[in-house]
Amino acid sequence: MNRYDNSTIEITPTTGRQYYKQKYYPNIPLSETDEYVITTIGDRLDTLAYSYYRDSTLWWVISMANNNVTKGSIFPEPGTQLRIPTNINAVLSLYNQYNTTR
């Protein structure tokens, strides 16, 4: 894993200099409304995120909600049960809170 995988490149407005800013991901609590799927051959976290959230960049939500997914991979093993959090607004609110207060 690259040391900058959880980072974004930011630019200082006054000087234009670039720097890396760490991204923090929240723990995603269980919810009664969460959905569960069993993966099949060809499933990917980004396509599942698009199916449920209409945004493939939210693949990390599914990854963080499931300890049985290899971190850093978007390919879950076929036959794996995945929890799909349905309270996406709450998850994104937590994410924004974690990343604006640090």
PDB file of N, CA and C in Angstrom:
ATOM      1  N   MET A   1       0.847  -1.177   0.000  1.00  0.00           N
ATOM      2  CA  MET A   1       0.000   0.000   0.000  1.00  0.00           C
ATOM      3  C   MET A   1       0.893   1.240   0.000  1.00  0.00           C
ATOM      4  N   ASN A   2       0.599   2.165  -0.850  1.00  0.00           N
ATOM      5  CA  ASN A   2       1.339   3.409  -0.964  1.00  0.00           C
ATOM      6  C   ASN A   2       1.016   4.305   0.238  1.00  0.00           C
ATOM      7  N   ARG A   3       2.011   4.983   0.767  1.00  0.00           N
ATOM      8  CA  ARG A   3       1.785   5.825   1.944  1.00  0.00           C
ATOM      9  C   ARG A   3       0.865   7.003   1.669  1.00  0.00           C
ATOM     10  N   TYR A   4       0.638   7.337   0.409  1.00  0.00           N
ATOM     11  CA  TYR A   4      -0.219   8.465   0.056  1.00  0.00           C
ATOM     12  C   TYR A   4      -1.603   8.030  -0.450  1.00  0.00           C
ATOM     13  N   ASP A   5      -1.944   6.753  -0.310  1.00  0.00           N
ATOM     14  CA  ASP A   5      -3.231   6.261  -0.797  1.00  0.00           C
ATOM     15  C   ASP A   5      -4.413   6.973  -0.155  1.00  0.00           C
ATOM     16  N   ASN A   6      -4.310   7.330   1.103  1.00  0.00           N
ATOM     17  CA  ASN A   6      -5.416   8.004   1.794  1.00  0.00           C
ATOM     18  C   ASN A   6      -5.204   9.512   1.850  1.00  0.00           C
ATOM     19  N   SER A   7      -4.589  10.050   0.817  1.00  0.00           N
ATOM     20  CA  SER A   7      -4.284  11.481   0.794  1.00  0.00           C
ATOM     21  C   SER A   7      -4.821  12.128  -0.467  1.00  0.00           C
ATOM     22  N   THR A   8      -5.026  13.422  -0.373  1.00  0.00           N
ATOM     23  CA  THR A   8      -5.366  14.214  -1.550  1.00  0.00           C
ATOM     24  C   THR A   8      -4.324  15.314  -1.672  1.00  0.00           C
ATOM     25  N   ILE A   9      -4.144  15.798  -2.874  1.00  0.00           N
ATOM     26  CA  ILE A   9      -3.217  16.892  -3.085  1.00  0.00           C
ATOM     27  C   ILE A   9      -3.998  18.192  -2.946  1.00  0.00           C
ATOM     28  N   GLU A  10      -3.551  19.038  -2.030  1.00  0.00           N
ATOM     29  CA  GLU A  10      -4.171  20.334  -1.785  1.00  0.00           C
ATOM     30  C   GLU A  10      -3.205  21.418  -2.272  1.00  0.00           C
ATOM     31  N   ILE A  11      -3.731  22.583  -2.550  1.00  0.00           N
ATOM     32  CA  ILE A  11      -2.909  23.711  -2.986  1.00  0.00           C
ATOM     33  C   ILE A  11      -3.151  24.883  -2.048  1.00  0.00           C
ATOM     34  N   THR A  12      -2.055  25.443  -1.527  1.00  0.00           N
ATOM     35  CA  THR A  12      -2.153  26.608  -0.659  1.00  0.00           C
ATOM     36  C   THR A  12      -2.575  27.805  -1.505  1.00  0.00           C
ATOM     37  N   PRO A  13      -3.690  28.460  -1.170  1.00  0.00           N
ATOM     38  CA  PRO A  13      -4.202  29.561  -2.000  1.00  0.00           C
ATOM     39  C   PRO A  13      -3.226  30.735  -2.148  1.00  0.00           C
ATOM     40  N   THR A  14      -2.508  31.052  -1.094  1.00  0.00           N
ATOM     41  CA  THR A  14      -1.642  32.234  -1.152  1.00  0.00           C
ATOM     42  C   THR A  14      -0.356  32.003  -1.922  1.00  0.00           C
ATOM     43  N   THR A  15       0.221  30.793  -1.803  1.00  0.00           N
ATOM     44  CA  THR A  15       1.506  30.538  -2.451  1.00  0.00           C
ATOM     45  C   THR A  15       1.409  29.627  -3.666  1.00  0.00           C
ATOM     46  N   GLY A  16       0.313  28.887  -3.781  1.00  0.00           N
ATOM     47  CA  GLY A  16       0.167  27.945  -4.885  1.00  0.00           C
ATOM     48  C   GLY A  16       0.963  26.664  -4.695  1.00  0.00           C
ATOM     49  N   ARG A  17       1.546  26.479  -3.518  1.00  0.00           N
ATOM     50  CA  ARG A  17       2.325  25.265  -3.244  1.00  0.00           C
ATOM     51  C   ARG A  17       1.396  24.093  -2.976  1.00  0.00           C
ATOM     52  N   GLN A  18       1.815  22.931  -3.419  1.00  0.00           N
ATOM     53  CA  GLN A  18       1.033  21.714  -3.234  1.00  0.00           C
ATOM     54  C   GLN A  18       1.496  20.967  -1.983  1.00  0.00           C
ATOM     55  N   TYR A  19       0.538  20.287  -1.331  1.00  0.00           N
ATOM     56  CA  TYR A  19       0.869  19.441  -0.192  1.00  0.00           C
ATOM     57  C   TYR A  19      -0.152  18.318  -0.115  1.00  0.00           C
ATOM     58  N   TYR A  20       0.217  17.245   0.573  1.00  0.00           N
ATOM     59  CA  TYR A  20      -0.689  16.116   0.755  1.00  0.00           C
ATOM     60  C   TYR A  20      -1.512  16.322   2.018  1.00  0.00           C
ATOM     61  N   LYS A  21      -2.809  16.031   1.917  1.00  0.00           N
ATOM     62  CA  LYS A  21      -3.689  16.113   3.067  1.00  0.00           C
ATOM     63  C   LYS A  21      -4.300  14.725   3.290  1.00  0.00           C
ATOM     64  N   GLN A  22      -4.164  14.215   4.498  1.00  0.00           N
ATOM     65  CA  GLN A  22      -4.670  12.895   4.856  1.00  0.00           C
ATOM     66  C   GLN A  22      -6.191  12.871   4.838  1.00  0.00           C
ATOM     67  N   LYS A  23      -6.783  11.788   4.322  1.00  0.00           N
ATOM     68  CA  LYS A  23      -8.223  11.586   4.375  1.00  0.00           C
ATOM     69  C   LYS A  23      -8.528  10.602   5.496  1.00  0.00           C
ATOM     70  N   TYR A  24      -9.598  10.859   6.224  1.00  0.00           N
ATOM     71  CA  TYR A  24     -10.020   9.991   7.313  1.00  0.00           C
ATOM     72  C   TYR A  24     -11.398   9.421   6.987  1.00  0.00           C
ATOM     73  N   TYR A  25     -11.534   8.103   7.190  1.00  0.00           N
ATOM     74  CA  TYR A  25     -12.798   7.436   6.903  1.00  0.00           C
ATOM     75  C   TYR A  25     -13.462   7.022   8.197  1.00  0.00           C
ATOM     76  N   PRO A  26     -14.770   7.263   8.332  1.00  0.00           N
ATOM     77  CA  PRO A  26     -15.462   6.920   9.587  1.00  0.00           C
ATOM     78  C   PRO A  26     -15.800   5.442   9.668  1.00  0.00           C
ATOM     79  N   ASN A  27     -15.971   4.973  10.893  1.00  0.00           N
ATOM     80  CA  ASN A  27     -16.575   3.661  11.080  1.00  0.00           C
ATOM     81  C   ASN A  27     -18.046   3.817  10.758  1.00  0.00           C
ATOM     82  N   ILE A  28     -18.589   2.862  10.072  1.00  0.00           N
ATOM     83  CA  ILE A  28     -19.976   2.974   9.628  1.00  0.00           C
ATOM     84  C   ILE A  28     -20.847   2.081  10.510  1.00  0.00           C
ATOM     85  N   PRO A  29     -21.691   2.695  11.339  1.00  0.00           N
ATOM     86  CA  PRO A  29     -22.506   1.909  12.270  1.00  0.00           C
ATOM     87  C   PRO A  29     -23.572   1.090  11.540  1.00  0.00           C
ATOM     88  N   LEU A  30     -23.938  -0.008  12.178  1.00  0.00           N
ATOM     89  CA  LEU A  30     -25.017  -0.838  11.646  1.00  0.00           C
ATOM     90  C   LEU A  30     -26.330  -0.072  11.698  1.00  0.00           C
ATOM     91  N   SER A  31     -27.186  -0.376  10.754  1.00  0.00           N
ATOM     92  CA  SER A  31     -28.509   0.231  10.720  1.00  0.00           C
ATOM     93  C   SER A  31     -29.509  -0.847  10.348  1.00  0.00           C
ATOM     94  N   GLU A  32     -30.708  -0.725  10.869  1.00  0.00           N
ATOM     95  CA  GLU A  32     -31.761  -1.692  10.532  1.00  0.00           C
ATOM     96  C   GLU A  32     -32.130  -1.646   9.060  1.00  0.00           C
ATOM     97  N   THR A  33     -31.822  -0.543   8.407  1.00  0.00           N
ATOM     98  CA  THR A  33     -32.191  -0.403   6.992  1.00  0.00           C
ATOM     99  C   THR A  33     -31.098  -0.881   6.043  1.00  0.00           C
ATOM    100  N   ASP A  34     -29.932  -1.290   6.571  1.00  0.00           N
ATOM    101  CA  ASP A  34     -28.855  -1.770   5.701  1.00  0.00           C
ATOM    102  C   ASP A  34     -29.348  -2.942   4.857  1.00  0.00           C
ATOM    103  N   GLU A  35     -28.824  -3.023   3.652  1.00  0.00           N
ATOM    104  CA  GLU A  35     -29.152  -4.138   2.768  1.00  0.00           C
ATOM    105  C   GLU A  35     -27.957  -5.070   2.691  1.00  0.00           C
ATOM    106  N   TYR A  36     -28.204  -6.311   2.366  1.00  0.00           N
ATOM    107  CA  TYR A  36     -27.149  -7.312   2.267  1.00  0.00           C
ATOM    108  C   TYR A  36     -27.240  -7.985   0.908  1.00  0.00           C
ATOM    109  N   VAL A  37     -26.071  -8.202   0.303  1.00  0.00           N
ATOM    110  CA  VAL A  37     -26.007  -8.882  -0.990  1.00  0.00           C
ATOM    111  C   VAL A  37     -24.927  -9.956  -0.917  1.00  0.00           C
ATOM    112  N   ILE A  38     -25.077 -10.970  -1.732  1.00  0.00           N
ATOM    113  CA  ILE A  38     -24.046 -11.996  -1.911  1.00  0.00           C
ATOM    114  C   ILE A  38     -23.409 -11.714  -3.265  1.00  0.00           C
ATOM    115  N   THR A  39     -22.093 -11.546  -3.272  1.00  0.00           N
ATOM    116  CA  THR A  39     -21.407 -11.188  -4.510  1.00  0.00           C
ATOM    117  C   THR A  39     -21.314 -12.372  -5.460  1.00  0.00           C
ATOM    118  N   THR A  40     -21.237 -12.042  -6.733  1.00  0.00           N
ATOM    119  CA  THR A  40     -21.049 -13.040  -7.776  1.00  0.00           C
ATOM    120  C   THR A  40     -19.803 -12.673  -8.577  1.00  0.00           C
ATOM    121  N   ILE A  41     -19.403 -13.530  -9.478  1.00  0.00           N
ATOM    122  CA  ILE A  41     -18.236 -13.272 -10.315  1.00  0.00           C
ATOM    123  C   ILE A  41     -18.464 -11.981 -11.100  1.00  0.00           C
ATOM    124  N   GLY A  42     -17.489 -11.105 -11.073  1.00  0.00           N
ATOM    125  CA  GLY A  42     -17.569  -9.853 -11.813  1.00  0.00           C
ATOM    126  C   GLY A  42     -18.055  -8.666 -11.002  1.00  0.00           C
ATOM    127  N   ASP A  43     -18.557  -8.909  -9.780  1.00  0.00           N
ATOM    128  CA  ASP A  43     -18.977  -7.782  -8.940  1.00  0.00           C
ATOM    129  C   ASP A  43     -17.759  -6.962  -8.538  1.00  0.00           C
ATOM    130  N   ARG A  44     -17.956  -5.652  -8.494  1.00  0.00           N
ATOM    131  CA  ARG A  44     -16.920  -4.723  -8.049  1.00  0.00           C
ATOM    132  C   ARG A  44     -17.582  -3.726  -7.110  1.00  0.00           C
ATOM    133  N   LEU A  45     -16.804  -3.215  -6.171  1.00  0.00           N
ATOM    134  CA  LEU A  45     -17.370  -2.276  -5.203  1.00  0.00           C
ATOM    135  C   LEU A  45     -17.841  -0.990  -5.870  1.00  0.00           C
ATOM    136  N   ASP A  46     -17.134  -0.529  -6.900  1.00  0.00           N
ATOM    137  CA  ASP A  46     -17.552   0.708  -7.561  1.00  0.00           C
ATOM    138  C   ASP A  46     -18.855   0.532  -8.336  1.00  0.00           C
ATOM    139  N   THR A  47     -19.059  -0.626  -8.946  1.00  0.00           N
ATOM    140  CA  THR A  47     -20.326  -0.836  -9.662  1.00  0.00           C
ATOM    141  C   THR A  47     -21.483  -1.049  -8.678  1.00  0.00           C
ATOM    142  N   LEU A  48     -21.199  -1.688  -7.556  1.00  0.00           N
ATOM    143  CA  LEU A  48     -22.237  -1.821  -6.527  1.00  0.00           C
ATOM    144  C   LEU A  48     -22.596  -0.449  -5.961  1.00  0.00           C
ATOM    145  N   ALA A  49     -21.586   0.386  -5.723  1.00  0.00           N
ATOM    146  CA  ALA A  49     -21.849   1.737  -5.221  1.00  0.00           C
ATOM    147  C   ALA A  49     -22.694   2.520  -6.216  1.00  0.00           C
ATOM    148  N   TYR A  50     -22.423   2.364  -7.493  1.00  0.00           N
ATOM    149  CA  TYR A  50     -23.223   3.062  -8.496  1.00  0.00           C
ATOM    150  C   TYR A  50     -24.664   2.533  -8.479  1.00  0.00           C
ATOM    151  N   SER A  51     -24.823   1.237  -8.334  1.00  0.00           N
ATOM    152  CA  SER A  51     -26.170   0.643  -8.313  1.00  0.00           C
ATOM    153  C   SER A  51     -26.995   1.147  -7.134  1.00  0.00           C
ATOM    154  N   TYR A  52     -26.357   1.300  -5.978  1.00  0.00           N
ATOM    155  CA  TYR A  52     -27.095   1.699  -4.774  1.00  0.00           C
ATOM    156  C   TYR A  52     -27.122   3.203  -4.536  1.00  0.00           C
ATOM    157  N   TYR A  53     -26.036   3.899  -4.915  1.00  0.00           N
ATOM    158  CA  TYR A  53     -25.926   5.325  -4.595  1.00  0.00           C
ATOM    159  C   TYR A  53     -25.900   6.237  -5.819  1.00  0.00           C
ATOM    160  N   ARG A  54     -25.844   5.649  -7.004  1.00  0.00           N
ATOM    161  CA  ARG A  54     -25.698   6.420  -8.257  1.00  0.00           C
ATOM    162  C   ARG A  54     -24.407   7.233  -8.277  1.00  0.00           C
ATOM    163  N   ASP A  55     -23.376   6.718  -7.573  1.00  0.00           N
ATOM    164  CA  ASP A  55     -22.070   7.386  -7.524  1.00  0.00           C
ATOM    165  C   ASP A  55     -21.005   6.320  -7.277  1.00  0.00           C
ATOM    166  N   SER A  56     -20.241   5.984  -8.296  1.00  0.00           N
ATOM    167  CA  SER A  56     -19.245   4.921  -8.175  1.00  0.00           C
ATOM    168  C   SER A  56     -18.089   5.298  -7.263  1.00  0.00           C
ATOM    169  N   THR A  57     -17.867   6.599  -7.012  1.00  0.00           N
ATOM    170  CA  THR A  57     -16.766   7.007  -6.145  1.00  0.00           C
ATOM    171  C   THR A  57     -17.046   6.701  -4.671  1.00  0.00           C
ATOM    172  N   LEU A  58     -18.251   6.298  -4.367  1.00  0.00           N
ATOM    173  CA  LEU A  58     -18.597   5.949  -2.980  1.00  0.00           C
ATOM    174  C   LEU A  58     -18.340   4.471  -2.668  1.00  0.00           C
ATOM    175  N   TRP A  59     -17.497   3.820  -3.478  1.00  0.00           N
ATOM    176  CA  TRP A  59     -17.164   2.417  -3.243  1.00  0.00           C
ATOM    177  C   TRP A  59     -16.554   2.224  -1.853  1.00  0.00           C
ATOM    178  N   TRP A  60     -15.884   3.250  -1.349  1.00  0.00           N
ATOM    179  CA  TRP A  60     -15.229   3.152  -0.043  1.00  0.00           C
ATOM    180  C   TRP A  60     -16.237   2.951   1.083  1.00  0.00           C
ATOM    181  N   VAL A  61     -17.481   3.405   0.893  1.00  0.00           N
ATOM    182  CA  VAL A  61     -18.515   3.219   1.921  1.00  0.00           C
ATOM    183  C   VAL A  61     -18.767   1.727   2.116  1.00  0.00           C
ATOM    184  N   ILE A  62     -18.911   1.011   1.010  1.00  0.00           N
ATOM    185  CA  ILE A  62     -19.144  -0.438   1.090  1.00  0.00           C
ATOM    186  C   ILE A  62     -17.911  -1.134   1.656  1.00  0.00           C
ATOM    187  N   SER A  63     -16.739  -0.702   1.237  1.00  0.00           N
ATOM    188  CA  SER A  63     -15.499  -1.295   1.738  1.00  0.00           C
ATOM    189  C   SER A  63     -15.362  -1.107   3.246  1.00  0.00           C
ATOM    190  N   MET A  64     -15.612   0.107   3.729  1.00  0.00           N
ATOM    191  CA  MET A  64     -15.474   0.394   5.158  1.00  0.00           C
ATOM    192  C   MET A  64     -16.539  -0.312   5.998  1.00  0.00           C
ATOM    193  N   ALA A  65     -17.670  -0.610   5.414  1.00  0.00           N
ATOM    194  CA  ALA A  65     -18.753  -1.266   6.144  1.00  0.00           C
ATOM    195  C   ALA A  65     -18.543  -2.776   6.271  1.00  0.00           C
ATOM    196  N   ASN A  66     -17.557  -3.296   5.545  1.00  0.00           N
ATOM    197  CA  ASN A  66     -17.360  -4.746   5.498  1.00  0.00           C
ATOM    198  C   ASN A  66     -15.915  -5.108   5.816  1.00  0.00           C
ATOM    199  N   ASN A  67     -15.718  -5.769   6.955  1.00  0.00           N
ATOM    200  CA  ASN A  67     -14.371  -6.204   7.333  1.00  0.00           C
ATOM    201  C   ASN A  67     -13.889  -7.390   6.500  1.00  0.00           C
ATOM    202  N   ASN A  68     -14.798  -8.044   5.803  1.00  0.00           N
ATOM    203  CA  ASN A  68     -14.433  -9.223   5.028  1.00  0.00           C
ATOM    204  C   ASN A  68     -13.972  -8.885   3.603  1.00  0.00           C
ATOM    205  N   VAL A  69     -13.797  -7.603   3.308  1.00  0.00           N
ATOM    206  CA  VAL A  69     -13.315  -7.164   2.000  1.00  0.00           C
ATOM    207  C   VAL A  69     -11.850  -6.795   2.139  1.00  0.00           C
ATOM    208  N   THR A  70     -11.030  -7.280   1.228  1.00  0.00           N
ATOM    209  CA  THR A  70      -9.607  -6.942   1.248  1.00  0.00           C
ATOM    210  C   THR A  70      -9.449  -5.448   1.024  1.00  0.00           C
ATOM    211  N   LYS A  71      -8.849  -4.754   1.988  1.00  0.00           N
ATOM    212  CA  LYS A  71      -8.666  -3.303   1.872  1.00  0.00           C
ATOM    213  C   LYS A  71      -7.743  -2.998   0.704  1.00  0.00           C
ATOM    214  N   GLY A  72      -8.085  -1.971  -0.055  1.00  0.00           N
ATOM    215  CA  GLY A  72      -7.297  -1.594  -1.213  1.00  0.00           C
ATOM    216  C   GLY A  72      -7.719  -2.291  -2.484  1.00  0.00           C
ATOM    217  N   SER A  73      -8.729  -3.149  -2.404  1.00  0.00           N
ATOM    218  CA  SER A  73      -9.215  -3.856  -3.585  1.00  0.00           C
ATOM    219  C   SER A  73     -10.684  -3.531  -3.806  1.00  0.00           C
ATOM    220  N   ILE A  74     -11.071  -3.387  -5.061  1.00  0.00           N
ATOM    221  CA  ILE A  74     -12.492  -3.160  -5.356  1.00  0.00           C
ATOM    222  C   ILE A  74     -13.178  -4.451  -5.785  1.00  0.00           C
ATOM    223  N   PHE A  75     -12.443  -5.568  -5.756  1.00  0.00           N
ATOM    224  CA  PHE A  75     -12.973  -6.850  -6.192  1.00  0.00           C
ATOM    225  C   PHE A  75     -13.237  -7.765  -5.007  1.00  0.00           C
ATOM    226  N   PRO A  76     -14.489  -7.871  -4.547  1.00  0.00           N
ATOM    227  CA  PRO A  76     -14.778  -8.821  -3.466  1.00  0.00           C
ATOM    228  C   PRO A  76     -14.781 -10.246  -4.011  1.00  0.00           C
ATOM    229  N   GLU A  77     -14.445 -11.176  -3.155  1.00  0.00           N
ATOM    230  CA  GLU A  77     -14.484 -12.586  -3.553  1.00  0.00           C
ATOM    231  C   GLU A  77     -15.921 -12.983  -3.870  1.00  0.00           C
ATOM    232  N   PRO A  78     -16.155 -13.741  -4.948  1.00  0.00           N
ATOM    233  CA  PRO A  78     -17.512 -14.230  -5.228  1.00  0.00           C
ATOM    234  C   PRO A  78     -18.029 -15.048  -4.046  1.00  0.00           C
ATOM    235  N   GLY A  79     -19.284 -14.852  -3.716  1.00  0.00           N
ATOM    236  CA  GLY A  79     -19.903 -15.556  -2.596  1.00  0.00           C
ATOM    237  C   GLY A  79     -19.784 -14.842  -1.266  1.00  0.00           C
ATOM    238  N   THR A  80     -19.190 -13.659  -1.260  1.00  0.00           N
ATOM    239  CA  THR A  80     -19.038 -12.879  -0.035  1.00  0.00           C
ATOM    240  C   THR A  80     -20.315 -12.109   0.260  1.00  0.00           C
ATOM    241  N   GLN A  81     -20.754 -12.155   1.513  1.00  0.00           N
ATOM    242  CA  GLN A  81     -21.908 -11.344   1.907  1.00  0.00           C
ATOM    243  C   GLN A  81     -21.412  -9.940   2.214  1.00  0.00           C
ATOM    244  N   LEU A  82     -22.021  -8.942   1.576  1.00  0.00           N
ATOM    245  CA  LEU A  82     -21.660  -7.549   1.797  1.00  0.00           C
ATOM    246  C   LEU A  82     -22.828  -6.784   2.398  1.00  0.00           C
ATOM    247  N   ARG A  83     -22.498  -5.940   3.345  1.00  0.00           N
ATOM    248  CA  ARG A  83     -23.498  -5.025   3.914  1.00  0.00           C
ATOM    249  C   ARG A  83     -23.439  -3.738   3.106  1.00  0.00           C
ATOM    250  N   ILE A  84     -24.577  -3.270   2.637  1.00  0.00           N
ATOM    251  CA  ILE A  84     -24.681  -2.021   1.894  1.00  0.00           C
ATOM    252  C   ILE A  84     -25.402  -1.015   2.784  1.00  0.00           C
ATOM    253  N   PRO A  85     -24.667  -0.052   3.353  1.00  0.00           N
ATOM    254  CA  PRO A  85     -25.330   0.953   4.183  1.00  0.00           C
ATOM    255  C   PRO A  85     -26.295   1.795   3.342  1.00  0.00           C
ATOM    256  N   THR A  86     -27.498   1.949   3.827  1.00  0.00           N
ATOM    257  CA  THR A  86     -28.489   2.732   3.081  1.00  0.00           C
ATOM    258  C   THR A  86     -28.597   4.163   3.603  1.00  0.00           C
ATOM    259  N   ASN A  87     -28.000   4.421   4.749  1.00  0.00           N
ATOM    260  CA  ASN A  87     -28.041   5.776   5.319  1.00  0.00           C
ATOM    261  C   ASN A  87     -26.842   6.588   4.807  1.00  0.00           C
ATOM    262  N   ILE A  88     -26.734   6.709   3.492  1.00  0.00           N
ATOM    263  CA  ILE A  88     -25.560   7.313   2.863  1.00  0.00           C
ATOM    264  C   ILE A  88     -25.361   8.772   3.279  1.00  0.00           C
ATOM    265  N   ASN A  89     -26.434   9.505   3.493  1.00  0.00           N
ATOM    266  CA  ASN A  89     -26.285  10.907   3.916  1.00  0.00           C
ATOM    267  C   ASN A  89     -25.614  11.013   5.279  1.00  0.00           C
ATOM    268  N   ALA A  90     -25.957  10.111   6.187  1.00  0.00           N
ATOM    269  CA  ALA A  90     -25.325  10.109   7.503  1.00  0.00           C
ATOM    270  C   ALA A  90     -23.848   9.736   7.394  1.00  0.00           C
ATOM    271  N   VAL A  91     -23.526   8.775   6.542  1.00  0.00           N
ATOM    272  CA  VAL A  91     -22.136   8.367   6.346  1.00  0.00           C
ATOM    273  C   VAL A  91     -21.319   9.516   5.756  1.00  0.00           C
ATOM    274  N   LEU A  92     -21.861  10.185   4.751  1.00  0.00           N
ATOM    275  CA  LEU A  92     -21.149  11.302   4.126  1.00  0.00           C
ATOM    276  C   LEU A  92     -21.009  12.477   5.088  1.00  0.00           C
ATOM    277  N   SER A  93     -21.989  12.671   5.945  1.00  0.00           N
ATOM    278  CA  SER A  93     -21.892  13.720   6.955  1.00  0.00           C
ATOM    279  C   SER A  93     -20.746  13.423   7.924  1.00  0.00           C
ATOM    280  N   LEU A  94     -20.639  12.168   8.354  1.00  0.00           N
ATOM    281  CA  LEU A  94     -19.526  11.764   9.220  1.00  0.00           C
ATOM    282  C   LEU A  94     -18.192  11.960   8.512  1.00  0.00           C
ATOM    283  N   TYR A  95     -18.121  11.542   7.249  1.00  0.00           N
ATOM    284  CA  TYR A  95     -16.891  11.695   6.469  1.00  0.00           C
ATOM    285  C   TYR A  95     -16.482  13.171   6.394  1.00  0.00           C
ATOM    286  N   ASN A  96     -17.438  14.031   6.071  1.00  0.00           N
ATOM    287  CA  ASN A  96     -17.132  15.460   5.974  1.00  0.00           C
ATOM    288  C   ASN A  96     -16.716  16.032   7.321  1.00  0.00           C
ATOM    289  N   GLN A  97     -17.365  15.583   8.368  1.00  0.00           N
ATOM    290  CA  GLN A  97     -17.024  16.032   9.727  1.00  0.00           C
ATOM    291  C   GLN A  97     -15.594  15.627  10.072  1.00  0.00           C
ATOM    292  N   TYR A  98     -15.217  14.389   9.766  1.00  0.00           N
ATOM    293  CA  TYR A  98     -13.859  13.899  10.050  1.00  0.00           C
ATOM    294  C   TYR A  98     -12.821  14.673   9.271  1.00  0.00           C
ATOM    295  N   ASN A  99     -13.147  15.092   8.061  1.00  0.00           N
ATOM    296  CA  ASN A  99     -12.141  15.663   7.181  1.00  0.00           C
ATOM    297  C   ASN A  99     -12.134  17.190   7.148  1.00  0.00           C
ATOM    298  N   THR A 100     -13.039  17.837   7.845  1.00  0.00           N
ATOM    299  CA  THR A 100     -12.995  19.299   7.903  1.00  0.00           C
ATOM    300  C   THR A 100     -12.528  19.789   9.268  1.00  0.00           C
ATOM    301  N   THR A 101     -12.535  18.930  10.266  1.00  0.00           N
ATOM    302  CA  THR A 101     -12.137  19.350  11.599  1.00  0.00           C
ATOM    303  C   THR A 101     -10.695  19.000  11.912  1.00  0.00           C
ATOM    304  N   ARG A 102      -9.982  18.390  11.012  1.00  0.00           N
ATOM    305  CA  ARG A 102      -8.588  17.980  11.267  1.00  0.00           C
ATOM    306  C   ARG A 102      -7.635  18.867  10.539  1.00  0.00           C
TER     307      ARG A 102
END
